[in-house]
């Protein structure tokens, strides 16, 4: 790895680490937790999309 690539990777890591914190309102926190605890059911369109992707990629 070149010196520039290493420096670039370190800069990316710092940038990602800087983005770990979210400042949410009380309502945002409530909505976020509710979505985790009671997620919406997957609809037919998403199921079809996943099926087609798996068929196309062989996953």
PDB file of N, CA and C in Angstrom:
ATOM      1  N   UNK A   1       0.841  -1.176   0.000  1.00  0.00           N
ATOM      2  CA  UNK A   1       0.000   0.000   0.000  1.00  0.00           C
ATOM      3  C   UNK A   1       0.884   1.237   0.000  1.00  0.00           C
ATOM      4  N   UNK A   2       0.520   2.205  -0.768  1.00  0.00           N
ATOM      5  CA  UNK A   2       1.314   3.420  -0.822  1.00  0.00           C
ATOM      6  C   UNK A   2       0.983   4.312   0.363  1.00  0.00           C
ATOM      7  N   UNK A   3       1.860   5.262   0.588  1.00  0.00           N
ATOM      8  CA  UNK A   3       1.657   6.183   1.703  1.00  0.00           C
ATOM      9  C   UNK A   3       0.357   6.972   1.532  1.00  0.00           C
ATOM     10  N   UNK A   4       0.041   7.367   0.309  1.00  0.00           N
ATOM     11  CA  UNK A   4      -1.185   8.121   0.061  1.00  0.00           C
ATOM     12  C   UNK A   4      -2.426   7.285   0.347  1.00  0.00           C
ATOM     13  N   UNK A   5      -2.396   6.005  -0.052  1.00  0.00           N
ATOM     14  CA  UNK A   5      -3.547   5.133   0.188  1.00  0.00           C
ATOM     15  C   UNK A   5      -3.763   4.937   1.682  1.00  0.00           C
ATOM     16  N   UNK A   6      -2.684   4.769   2.438  1.00  0.00           N
ATOM     17  CA  UNK A   6      -2.801   4.594   3.883  1.00  0.00           C
ATOM     18  C   UNK A   6      -3.367   5.847   4.523  1.00  0.00           C
ATOM     19  N   UNK A   7      -2.864   6.991   4.143  1.00  0.00           N
ATOM     20  CA  UNK A   7      -3.372   8.243   4.679  1.00  0.00           C
ATOM     21  C   UNK A   7      -4.830   8.436   4.346  1.00  0.00           C
ATOM     22  N   UNK A   8      -5.207   8.072   3.145  1.00  0.00           N
ATOM     23  CA  UNK A   8      -6.585   8.200   2.707  1.00  0.00           C
ATOM     24  C   UNK A   8      -7.497   7.288   3.522  1.00  0.00           C
ATOM     25  N   UNK A   9      -7.036   6.060   3.797  1.00  0.00           N
ATOM     26  CA  UNK A   9      -7.831   5.125   4.590  1.00  0.00           C
ATOM     27  C   UNK A   9      -8.012   5.651   6.008  1.00  0.00           C
ATOM     28  N   UNK A  10      -6.974   6.248   6.570  1.00  0.00           N
ATOM     29  CA  UNK A  10      -7.070   6.799   7.922  1.00  0.00           C
ATOM     30  C   UNK A  10      -8.047   7.965   7.947  1.00  0.00           C
ATOM     31  N   UNK A  11      -8.026   8.792   6.922  1.00  0.00           N
ATOM     32  CA  UNK A  11      -8.963   9.914   6.841  1.00  0.00           C
ATOM     33  C   UNK A  11     -10.397   9.401   6.743  1.00  0.00           C
ATOM     34  N   UNK A  12     -10.619   8.327   5.937  1.00  0.00           N
ATOM     35  CA  UNK A  12     -11.959   7.755   5.817  1.00  0.00           C
ATOM     36  C   UNK A  12     -12.427   7.208   7.148  1.00  0.00           C
ATOM     37  N   UNK A  13     -11.533   6.512   7.863  1.00  0.00           N
ATOM     38  CA  UNK A  13     -11.891   5.944   9.161  1.00  0.00           C
ATOM     39  C   UNK A  13     -12.284   7.047  10.134  1.00  0.00           C
ATOM     40  N   UNK A  14     -11.527   8.119  10.170  1.00  0.00           N
ATOM     41  CA  UNK A  14     -11.860   9.229  11.052  1.00  0.00           C
ATOM     42  C   UNK A  14     -13.197   9.832  10.665  1.00  0.00           C
ATOM     43  N   UNK A  15     -13.443   9.953   9.388  1.00  0.00           N
ATOM     44  CA  UNK A  15     -14.694  10.529   8.916  1.00  0.00           C
ATOM     45  C   UNK A  15     -15.876   9.661   9.336  1.00  0.00           C
ATOM     46  N   UNK A  16     -15.743   8.349   9.204  1.00  0.00           N
ATOM     47  CA  UNK A  16     -16.811   7.432   9.602  1.00  0.00           C
ATOM     48  C   UNK A  16     -17.022   7.493  11.109  1.00  0.00           C
ATOM     49  N   UNK A  17     -15.951   7.498  11.880  1.00  0.00           N
ATOM     50  CA  UNK A  17     -16.065   7.551  13.329  1.00  0.00           C
ATOM     51  C   UNK A  17     -16.729   8.843  13.786  1.00  0.00           C
ATOM     52  N   UNK A  18     -16.516   9.920  13.063  1.00  0.00           N
ATOM     53  CA  UNK A  18     -17.139  11.193  13.417  1.00  0.00           C
ATOM     54  C   UNK A  18     -18.655  11.144  13.226  1.00  0.00           C
ATOM     55  N   UNK A  19     -19.150  10.206  12.416  1.00  0.00           N
ATOM     56  CA  UNK A  19     -20.566  10.147  12.086  1.00  0.00           C
ATOM     57  C   UNK A  19     -21.336   9.141  12.941  1.00  0.00           C
ATOM     58  N   UNK A  20     -20.763   8.608  13.995  1.00  0.00           N
ATOM     59  CA  UNK A  20     -21.425   7.579  14.790  1.00  0.00           C
ATOM     60  C   UNK A  20     -22.576   8.113  15.632  1.00  0.00           C
ATOM     61  N   UNK A  21     -22.561   9.333  15.999  1.00  0.00           N
ATOM     62  CA  UNK A  21     -23.549   9.876  16.920  1.00  0.00           C
ATOM     63  C   UNK A  21     -24.693  10.547  16.169  1.00  0.00           C
ATOM     64  N   UNK A  22     -25.897  10.247  16.611  1.00  0.00           N
ATOM     65  CA  UNK A  22     -27.087  10.897  16.069  1.00  0.00           C
ATOM     66  C   UNK A  22     -27.739  11.693  17.194  1.00  0.00           C
ATOM     67  N   UNK A  23     -28.066  12.917  16.918  1.00  0.00           N
ATOM     68  CA  UNK A  23     -28.806  13.723  17.883  1.00  0.00           C
ATOM     69  C   UNK A  23     -30.271  13.685  17.473  1.00  0.00           C
ATOM     70  N   UNK A  24     -31.064  12.952  18.265  1.00  0.00           N
ATOM     71  CA  UNK A  24     -32.470  12.770  17.937  1.00  0.00           C
ATOM     72  C   UNK A  24     -33.356  13.450  18.967  1.00  0.00           C
ATOM     73  N   UNK A  25     -34.492  13.905  18.502  1.00  0.00           N
ATOM     74  CA  UNK A  25     -35.477  14.453  19.427  1.00  0.00           C
ATOM     75  C   UNK A  25     -36.116  13.292  20.194  1.00  0.00           C
ATOM     76  N   UNK A  26     -36.866  13.614  21.222  1.00  0.00           N
ATOM     77  CA  UNK A  26     -37.552  12.581  21.995  1.00  0.00           C
ATOM     78  C   UNK A  26     -38.498  11.797  21.086  1.00  0.00           C
ATOM     79  N   UNK A  27     -39.219  12.498  20.229  1.00  0.00           N
ATOM     80  CA  UNK A  27     -40.132  11.825  19.301  1.00  0.00           C
ATOM     81  C   UNK A  27     -39.371  10.948  18.311  1.00  0.00           C
ATOM     82  N   UNK A  28     -38.256  11.431  17.782  1.00  0.00           N
ATOM     83  CA  UNK A  28     -37.442  10.629  16.859  1.00  0.00           C
ATOM     84  C   UNK A  28     -36.975   9.345  17.535  1.00  0.00           C
ATOM     85  N   UNK A  29     -36.541   9.452  18.791  1.00  0.00           N
ATOM     86  CA  UNK A  29     -36.094   8.268  19.545  1.00  0.00           C
ATOM     87  C   UNK A  29     -37.233   7.273  19.695  1.00  0.00           C
ATOM     88  N   UNK A  30     -38.406   7.759  20.017  1.00  0.00           N
ATOM     89  CA  UNK A  30     -39.579   6.899  20.207  1.00  0.00           C
ATOM     90  C   UNK A  30     -39.920   6.176  18.899  1.00  0.00           C
ATOM     91  N   UNK A  31     -39.929   6.904  17.803  1.00  0.00           N
ATOM     92  CA  UNK A  31     -40.248   6.316  16.494  1.00  0.00           C
ATOM     93  C   UNK A  31     -39.183   5.292  16.099  1.00  0.00           C
ATOM     94  N   UNK A  32     -37.920   5.599  16.334  1.00  0.00           N
ATOM     95  CA  UNK A  32     -36.827   4.687  15.999  1.00  0.00           C
ATOM     96  C   UNK A  32     -36.951   3.380  16.775  1.00  0.00           C
ATOM     97  N   UNK A  33     -37.162   3.476  18.083  1.00  0.00           N
ATOM     98  CA  UNK A  33     -37.285   2.275  18.914  1.00  0.00           C
ATOM     99  C   UNK A  33     -38.526   1.482  18.521  1.00  0.00           C
ATOM    100  N   UNK A  34     -39.607   2.164  18.260  1.00  0.00           N
ATOM    101  CA  UNK A  34     -40.837   1.478  17.841  1.00  0.00           C
ATOM    102  C   UNK A  34     -40.609   0.693  16.551  1.00  0.00           C
ATOM    103  N   UNK A  35     -39.872   1.262  15.612  1.00  0.00           N
ATOM    104  CA  UNK A  35     -39.578   0.571  14.350  1.00  0.00           C
ATOM    105  C   UNK A  35     -38.712  -0.661  14.587  1.00  0.00           C
ATOM    106  N   UNK A  36     -37.810  -0.599  15.557  1.00  0.00           N
ATOM    107  CA  UNK A  36     -36.978  -1.762  15.868  1.00  0.00           C
ATOM    108  C   UNK A  36     -37.779  -2.853  16.565  1.00  0.00           C
ATOM    109  N   UNK A  37     -38.630  -2.451  17.495  1.00  0.00           N
ATOM    110  CA  UNK A  37     -39.393  -3.407  18.290  1.00  0.00           C
ATOM    111  C   UNK A  37     -40.550  -4.012  17.489  1.00  0.00           C
ATOM    112  N   UNK A  38     -41.211  -3.199  16.698  1.00  0.00           N
ATOM    113  CA  UNK A  38     -42.369  -3.653  15.911  1.00  0.00           C
ATOM    114  C   UNK A  38     -42.200  -3.268  14.443  1.00  0.00           C
ATOM    115  N   UNK A  39     -41.315  -3.956  13.736  1.00  0.00           N
ATOM    116  CA  UNK A  39     -41.099  -3.594  12.327  1.00  0.00           C
ATOM    117  C   UNK A  39     -42.337  -3.893  11.482  1.00  0.00           C
ATOM    118  N   UNK A  40     -42.475  -3.133  10.415  1.00  0.00           N
ATOM    119  CA  UNK A  40     -43.584  -3.359   9.484  1.00  0.00           C
ATOM    120  C   UNK A  40     -43.364  -4.683   8.761  1.00  0.00           C
ATOM    121  N   UNK A  41     -44.430  -5.372   8.409  1.00  0.00           N
ATOM    122  CA  UNK A  41     -44.263  -6.611   7.647  1.00  0.00           C
ATOM    123  C   UNK A  41     -43.720  -6.306   6.248  1.00  0.00           C
ATOM    124  N   UNK A  42     -43.010  -7.261   5.699  1.00  0.00           N
ATOM    125  CA  UNK A  42     -42.441  -7.105   4.359  1.00  0.00           C
ATOM    126  C   UNK A  42     -43.579  -7.243   3.352  1.00  0.00           C
ATOM    127  N   UNK A  43     -43.634  -6.302   2.406  1.00  0.00           N
ATOM    128  CA  UNK A  43     -44.718  -6.359   1.422  1.00  0.00           C
ATOM    129  C   UNK A  43     -44.343  -7.257   0.236  1.00  0.00           C
ATOM    130  N   UNK A  44     -45.330  -7.558  -0.582  1.00  0.00           N
ATOM    131  CA  UNK A  44     -45.136  -8.466  -1.720  1.00  0.00           C
ATOM    132  C   UNK A  44     -44.112  -7.942  -2.715  1.00  0.00           C
ATOM    133  N   UNK A  45     -44.085  -6.637  -2.907  1.00  0.00           N
ATOM    134  CA  UNK A  45     -43.153  -6.054  -3.879  1.00  0.00           C
ATOM    135  C   UNK A  45     -41.701  -6.290  -3.439  1.00  0.00           C
ATOM    136  N   UNK A  46     -41.419  -6.107  -2.151  1.00  0.00           N
ATOM    137  CA  UNK A  46     -40.060  -6.339  -1.655  1.00  0.00           C
ATOM    138  C   UNK A  46     -39.698  -7.815  -1.757  1.00  0.00           C
ATOM    139  N   UNK A  47     -40.630  -8.689  -1.401  1.00  0.00           N
ATOM    140  CA  UNK A  47     -40.372 -10.131  -1.514  1.00  0.00           C
ATOM    141  C   UNK A  47     -40.028 -10.507  -2.949  1.00  0.00           C
ATOM    142  N   UNK A  48     -40.765  -9.960  -3.900  1.00  0.00           N
ATOM    143  CA  UNK A  48     -40.511 -10.240  -5.312  1.00  0.00           C
ATOM    144  C   UNK A  48     -39.152  -9.704  -5.747  1.00  0.00           C
ATOM    145  N   UNK A  49     -38.804  -8.522  -5.277  1.00  0.00           N
ATOM    146  CA  UNK A  49     -37.511  -7.927  -5.620  1.00  0.00           C
ATOM    147  C   UNK A  49     -36.366  -8.778  -5.083  1.00  0.00           C
ATOM    148  N   UNK A  50     -36.480  -9.235  -3.845  1.00  0.00           N
ATOM    149  CA  UNK A  50     -35.435 -10.084  -3.246  1.00  0.00           C
ATOM    150  C   UNK A  50     -35.330 -11.396  -4.011  1.00  0.00           C
ATOM    151  N   UNK A  51     -36.461 -11.986  -4.351  1.00  0.00           N
ATOM    152  CA  UNK A  51     -36.456 -13.244  -5.108  1.00  0.00           C
ATOM    153  C   UNK A  51     -35.754 -13.069  -6.460  1.00  0.00           C
ATOM    154  N   UNK A  52     -36.095 -11.998  -7.184  1.00  0.00           N
ATOM    155  CA  UNK A  52     -35.472 -11.754  -8.488  1.00  0.00           C
ATOM    156  C   UNK A  52     -33.980 -11.494  -8.355  1.00  0.00           C
ATOM    157  N   UNK A  53     -33.581 -10.776  -7.305  1.00  0.00           N
ATOM    158  CA  UNK A  53     -32.157 -10.514  -7.075  1.00  0.00           C
ATOM    159  C   UNK A  53     -31.411 -11.826  -6.812  1.00  0.00           C
ATOM    160  N   UNK A  54     -31.992 -12.670  -5.987  1.00  0.00           N
ATOM    161  CA  UNK A  54     -31.351 -13.966  -5.690  1.00  0.00           C
ATOM    162  C   UNK A  54     -31.242 -14.827  -6.932  1.00  0.00           C
ATOM    163  N   UNK A  55     -32.269 -14.825  -7.744  1.00  0.00           N
ATOM    164  CA  UNK A  55     -32.217 -15.602  -8.983  1.00  0.00           C
ATOM    165  C   UNK A  55     -31.140 -15.061  -9.923  1.00  0.00           C
ATOM    166  N   UNK A  56     -31.036 -13.746 -10.005  1.00  0.00           N
ATOM    167  CA  UNK A  56     -30.075 -13.125 -10.915  1.00  0.00           C
ATOM    168  C   UNK A  56     -28.641 -13.297 -10.446  1.00  0.00           C
ATOM    169  N   UNK A  57     -28.428 -13.295  -9.132  1.00  0.00           N
ATOM    170  CA  UNK A  57     -27.060 -13.370  -8.599  1.00  0.00           C
ATOM    171  C   UNK A  57     -26.668 -14.768  -8.153  1.00  0.00           C
ATOM    172  N   UNK A  58     -27.631 -15.666  -8.056  1.00  0.00           N
ATOM    173  CA  UNK A  58     -27.331 -17.020  -7.606  1.00  0.00           C
ATOM    174  C   UNK A  58     -27.094 -17.121  -6.113  1.00  0.00           C
ATOM    175  N   UNK A  59     -27.599 -16.156  -5.380  1.00  0.00           N
ATOM    176  CA  UNK A  59     -27.419 -16.155  -3.917  1.00  0.00           C
ATOM    177  C   UNK A  59     -28.475 -17.009  -3.279  1.00  0.00           C
TER     178      UNK A  59
END
